[in-house]
Amino acid sequence: MLAALVLWIAVAAPEDQAPLKVGEAAPTFSLKTLNPDASKLKIFSLAKYVGDAPEEAKQALVLSFSASYCEPCKKELAQLGGLEPKLAKAGVQLAVVVIDTEAEGIEQMRKLTVDQLKLPYPVLSDKFGVLAKRYHAFTLPYVVIVDKAGNVAWVHSGFAEGTLNQLTTKLGI
């Protein structure tokens, strides 16, 4: 029991507990995609798009955190699919982060995003919940804009009509 407590204390770093703040560096990550054929990526890495990435590869990044048990997430994902051409034209990369940790939920989200919605952008699996903790994605849906420098530019949780208009306004598209 004591060993488990010590391990938990060592793993639960302070940055994992604090909410994401605009202007701070976005937590880095690499995750497997659930749609490697459509996204043309097996692994998605934040470092490929922002921060020290080559200048010609730098793009702002929109991360949309979703889960199978979140009905508003499903509505938001359907609407985000329609934004993809505008985002691509503006040089903005979009990625969905599935935070389900159970195989059944992950498969439900794969079916929704890949088979039904046919999302062309990367759909990532955060099956251990590490990225959700780092980004403080506890109220879903949860959207984060990371600018080209690798800093958090906008954070929004929950879904309401007009949320995607706020997103496009923040992106200047």
Foldseek 3Di string as FASTA:
>chain_A
DVVVVVVVVVVPDPLLADAADFPAFQDWDKFAFLCCPLAVDGIDTPCCAAAPHPPVRHAKEKEWEDWQVDPLSLVVLLVVLVCVVVCVVLRYAYEYEYQAQDPVGVVSVSCSDCVPSNRNGTYGYPNVNSSCSNNVVDAPRKMWIQHRNRGTHDIDHDDDPCPVVVVCVSSVD
